[in-house]
């Protein structure tokens, strides 16, 4: 699991820069192409954090609405993907925080509409992550998969830094137990 919180889009920097510049000028087709480029990664983050397909789809739409609104402020100091990443994480966290649904592991196991392709190399891990209790899952995804530090996670989730560390430890213990049992 990578701790790299920067997204890279190798080999497409020039073309991507042109799309961003056109989208900043209001070119909807260019923005649609940016959406096509990044929707999978954004949706994956949203699904991992929300653990609900409908909420993840809503969060993904909300991310791209925010990106469209904020795109004129993008200065190009970093890659577009690097700029997009925190928007995606924070939007998914906001939707997760507002949700009062699926707060227990048992409720997660009842949601059979979440499917990870069986041939996906990490399908066992992905399924196990979706089984985690909400807060433990959010901390685990943000720390282990997206590269945020516990202090940043604590601010995003509005919890104490120590709680973030404890939830991460809890998530790791649960995941190791579930994956060892397989």
Protein backbone atom coordinates (compact mmCIF):
# COMPACT_ATOMS: atom_id res chain seq x y z
CA UNK A 1 0.00 0.00 0.00
CA UNK A 2 1.51 3.29 -1.08
CA UNK A 3 1.89 6.28 1.21
CA UNK A 4 2.19 8.63 -1.76
CA UNK A 5 -0.56 11.22 -1.63
CA UNK A 6 0.40 12.78 -4.96
CA UNK A 7 -1.22 11.45 -8.11
CA UNK A 8 0.82 11.30 -11.22
CA UNK A 9 -0.31 11.11 -14.78
CA UNK A 10 2.84 9.99 -16.55
CA UNK A 11 3.33 10.78 -20.16
CA UNK A 12 0.36 13.12 -20.41
CA UNK A 13 1.66 16.27 -18.78
CA UNK A 14 1.56 18.41 -21.93
CA UNK A 15 -1.84 17.18 -23.09
CA UNK A 16 -3.22 17.44 -19.57
CA UNK A 17 -1.94 21.01 -19.23
CA UNK A 18 -3.73 21.92 -22.46
CA UNK A 19 -6.97 20.35 -21.21
CA UNK A 20 -6.71 22.23 -17.92
CA UNK A 21 -6.04 25.54 -19.69
CA UNK A 22 -9.01 25.02 -22.03
CA UNK A 23 -11.29 23.97 -19.15
CA UNK A 24 -10.25 27.05 -17.18
CA UNK A 25 -11.53 29.13 -20.08
CA UNK A 26 -14.91 27.39 -19.86
CA UNK A 27 -14.40 24.66 -22.46
CA UNK A 28 -16.88 22.02 -21.29
CA UNK A 29 -15.50 19.35 -23.66
CA UNK A 30 -12.02 19.81 -22.16
CA UNK A 31 -13.48 19.55 -18.68
CA UNK A 32 -15.33 16.38 -19.68
CA UNK A 33 -12.01 14.91 -20.82
CA UNK A 34 -10.46 15.83 -17.45
CA UNK A 35 -13.44 14.19 -15.78
CA UNK A 36 -12.88 11.05 -17.87
CA UNK A 37 -9.20 11.03 -16.87
CA UNK A 38 -9.78 11.30 -13.13
CA UNK A 39 -13.25 9.93 -12.38
CA UNK A 40 -12.00 6.42 -11.62
CA UNK A 41 -9.44 7.54 -9.05
CA UNK A 42 -11.86 10.01 -7.46
CA UNK A 43 -14.60 7.38 -7.28
CA UNK A 44 -12.18 4.87 -5.70
CA UNK A 45 -11.33 7.33 -2.91
CA UNK A 46 -14.99 8.17 -2.37
CA UNK A 47 -16.02 4.50 -2.27
CA UNK A 48 -13.28 3.62 0.19
CA UNK A 49 -14.28 6.44 2.50
CA UNK A 50 -18.06 6.25 2.15
CA UNK A 51 -18.31 2.45 1.73
CA UNK A 52 -21.60 2.97 -0.06
CA UNK A 53 -21.90 2.98 -3.84
CA UNK A 54 -24.63 5.65 -3.94
CA UNK A 55 -22.78 7.96 -1.54
CA UNK A 56 -19.55 7.42 -3.49
CA UNK A 57 -21.28 8.36 -6.74
CA UNK A 58 -22.78 11.46 -5.09
CA UNK A 59 -19.39 12.38 -3.63
CA UNK A 60 -17.71 11.93 -7.02
CA UNK A 61 -20.24 14.25 -8.64
CA UNK A 62 -19.77 16.77 -5.84
CA UNK A 63 -15.99 16.63 -6.31
CA UNK A 64 -16.25 17.48 -9.99
CA UNK A 65 -18.75 20.26 -9.33
CA UNK A 66 -16.22 21.76 -6.90
CA UNK A 67 -13.40 21.23 -9.39
CA UNK A 68 -15.38 23.04 -12.12
CA UNK A 69 -16.11 25.91 -9.74
CA UNK A 70 -12.54 26.14 -8.44
CA UNK A 71 -10.70 25.43 -11.69
CA UNK A 72 -10.25 29.13 -12.52
CA UNK A 73 -8.23 29.47 -9.30
CA UNK A 74 -5.85 26.64 -10.25
CA UNK A 75 -2.49 28.32 -10.85
CA UNK A 76 -0.53 25.34 -12.11
CA UNK A 77 2.02 25.44 -9.26
CA UNK A 78 1.46 21.69 -8.96
CA UNK A 79 0.00 19.01 -11.17
CA UNK A 80 -3.74 19.17 -11.68
CA UNK A 81 -4.00 15.71 -10.13
CA UNK A 82 -2.17 16.92 -7.01
CA UNK A 83 -4.57 19.85 -6.73
CA UNK A 84 -7.60 17.58 -7.30
CA UNK A 85 -6.63 14.98 -4.69
CA UNK A 86 -7.39 16.97 -1.50
CA UNK A 87 -10.66 18.20 -3.03
CA UNK A 88 -11.67 14.57 -3.53
CA UNK A 89 -10.60 13.48 -0.05
CA UNK A 90 -12.21 16.39 1.76
CA UNK A 91 -15.46 16.10 -0.19
CA UNK A 92 -15.71 12.37 0.52
CA UNK A 93 -14.95 12.99 4.20
CA UNK A 94 -17.62 15.70 4.35
CA UNK A 95 -20.22 13.36 2.88
CA UNK A 96 -19.07 10.52 5.13
CA UNK A 97 -19.26 12.78 8.19
CA UNK A 98 -22.79 13.93 7.33
CA UNK A 99 -24.02 10.40 6.84
CA UNK A 100 -25.64 8.66 9.75
CA UNK A 101 -26.06 5.41 7.81
CA UNK A 102 -23.86 2.31 8.03
CA UNK A 103 -22.12 3.05 11.34
CA UNK A 104 -21.54 -0.59 12.31
CA UNK A 105 -19.59 -3.39 10.65
CA UNK A 106 -22.68 -5.57 10.59
CA UNK A 107 -24.51 -3.03 8.49
CA UNK A 108 -21.59 -2.98 6.05
CA UNK A 109 -21.82 -6.73 5.50
CA UNK A 110 -25.46 -6.31 4.48
CA UNK A 111 -24.54 -4.00 1.59
CA UNK A 112 -24.02 -6.58 -1.12
CA UNK A 113 -24.18 -4.05 -3.95
CA UNK A 114 -20.54 -3.06 -3.38
CA UNK A 115 -18.47 -5.30 -5.59
CA UNK A 116 -14.77 -5.50 -6.23
CA UNK A 117 -13.78 -7.49 -9.32
CA UNK A 118 -12.63 -10.95 -8.23
CA UNK A 119 -9.59 -10.77 -10.50
CA UNK A 120 -8.52 -7.44 -8.95
CA UNK A 121 -5.13 -8.12 -7.28
CA UNK A 122 -6.19 -6.51 -3.99
CA UNK A 123 -9.85 -7.57 -4.01
CA UNK A 124 -9.49 -9.32 -0.63
CA UNK A 125 -7.98 -6.22 0.92
CA UNK A 126 -10.54 -3.91 -0.72
CA UNK A 127 -13.42 -6.02 0.57
CA UNK A 128 -11.88 -6.14 4.04
CA UNK A 129 -11.46 -2.34 4.06
CA UNK A 130 -15.15 -1.95 3.23
CA UNK A 131 -16.00 -4.12 6.27
CA UNK A 132 -14.19 -1.79 8.68
CA UNK A 133 -16.23 0.42 11.02
CA UNK A 134 -16.70 3.87 9.47
CA UNK A 135 -14.18 5.89 11.43
CA UNK A 136 -11.52 3.18 11.40
CA UNK A 137 -11.99 2.81 7.62
CA UNK A 138 -11.72 6.56 7.04
CA UNK A 139 -8.53 6.83 9.09
CA UNK A 140 -7.01 3.74 7.47
CA UNK A 141 -7.75 4.93 3.92
CA UNK A 142 -6.49 8.45 4.57
CA UNK A 143 -3.31 7.34 6.39
CA UNK A 144 -2.25 4.08 4.72
CA UNK A 145 -3.58 4.60 1.22
CA UNK A 146 -3.67 8.35 0.66
CA UNK A 147 -0.61 9.35 2.68
CA UNK A 148 -2.10 11.86 5.12
CA UNK A 149 -0.56 12.28 8.57
CA UNK A 150 -2.57 11.69 11.74
CA UNK A 151 -2.71 15.40 12.55
CA UNK A 152 -4.18 16.15 9.10
CA UNK A 153 -6.65 13.28 9.46
CA UNK A 154 -7.69 14.50 12.90
CA UNK A 155 -8.48 17.92 11.45
CA UNK A 156 -10.39 16.48 8.49
CA UNK A 157 -12.48 14.12 10.62
CA UNK A 158 -12.74 16.53 13.56
CA UNK A 159 -11.26 14.05 16.04
CA UNK A 160 -8.21 14.08 18.31
CA UNK A 161 -4.85 13.06 16.85
CA UNK A 162 -4.69 10.23 19.42
CA UNK A 163 -8.08 9.00 18.23
CA UNK A 164 -6.78 8.91 14.67
CA UNK A 165 -3.82 6.79 15.76
CA UNK A 166 -6.07 4.48 17.81
CA UNK A 167 -8.52 4.05 14.92
CA UNK A 168 -5.64 3.27 12.56
CA UNK A 169 -4.33 0.64 14.97
CA UNK A 170 -7.84 -0.81 15.30
CA UNK A 171 -8.25 -0.95 11.53
CA UNK A 172 -4.90 -2.69 11.08
CA UNK A 173 -5.73 -5.26 13.74
CA UNK A 174 -9.11 -6.01 12.19
CA UNK A 175 -7.69 -6.21 8.67
CA UNK A 176 -4.85 -8.51 9.70
CA UNK A 177 -7.30 -10.78 11.51
CA UNK A 178 -9.69 -10.93 8.55
CA UNK A 179 -6.97 -11.41 5.96
CA UNK A 180 -5.21 -14.09 8.02
CA UNK A 181 -8.52 -15.95 8.32
CA UNK A 182 -8.86 -16.15 4.51
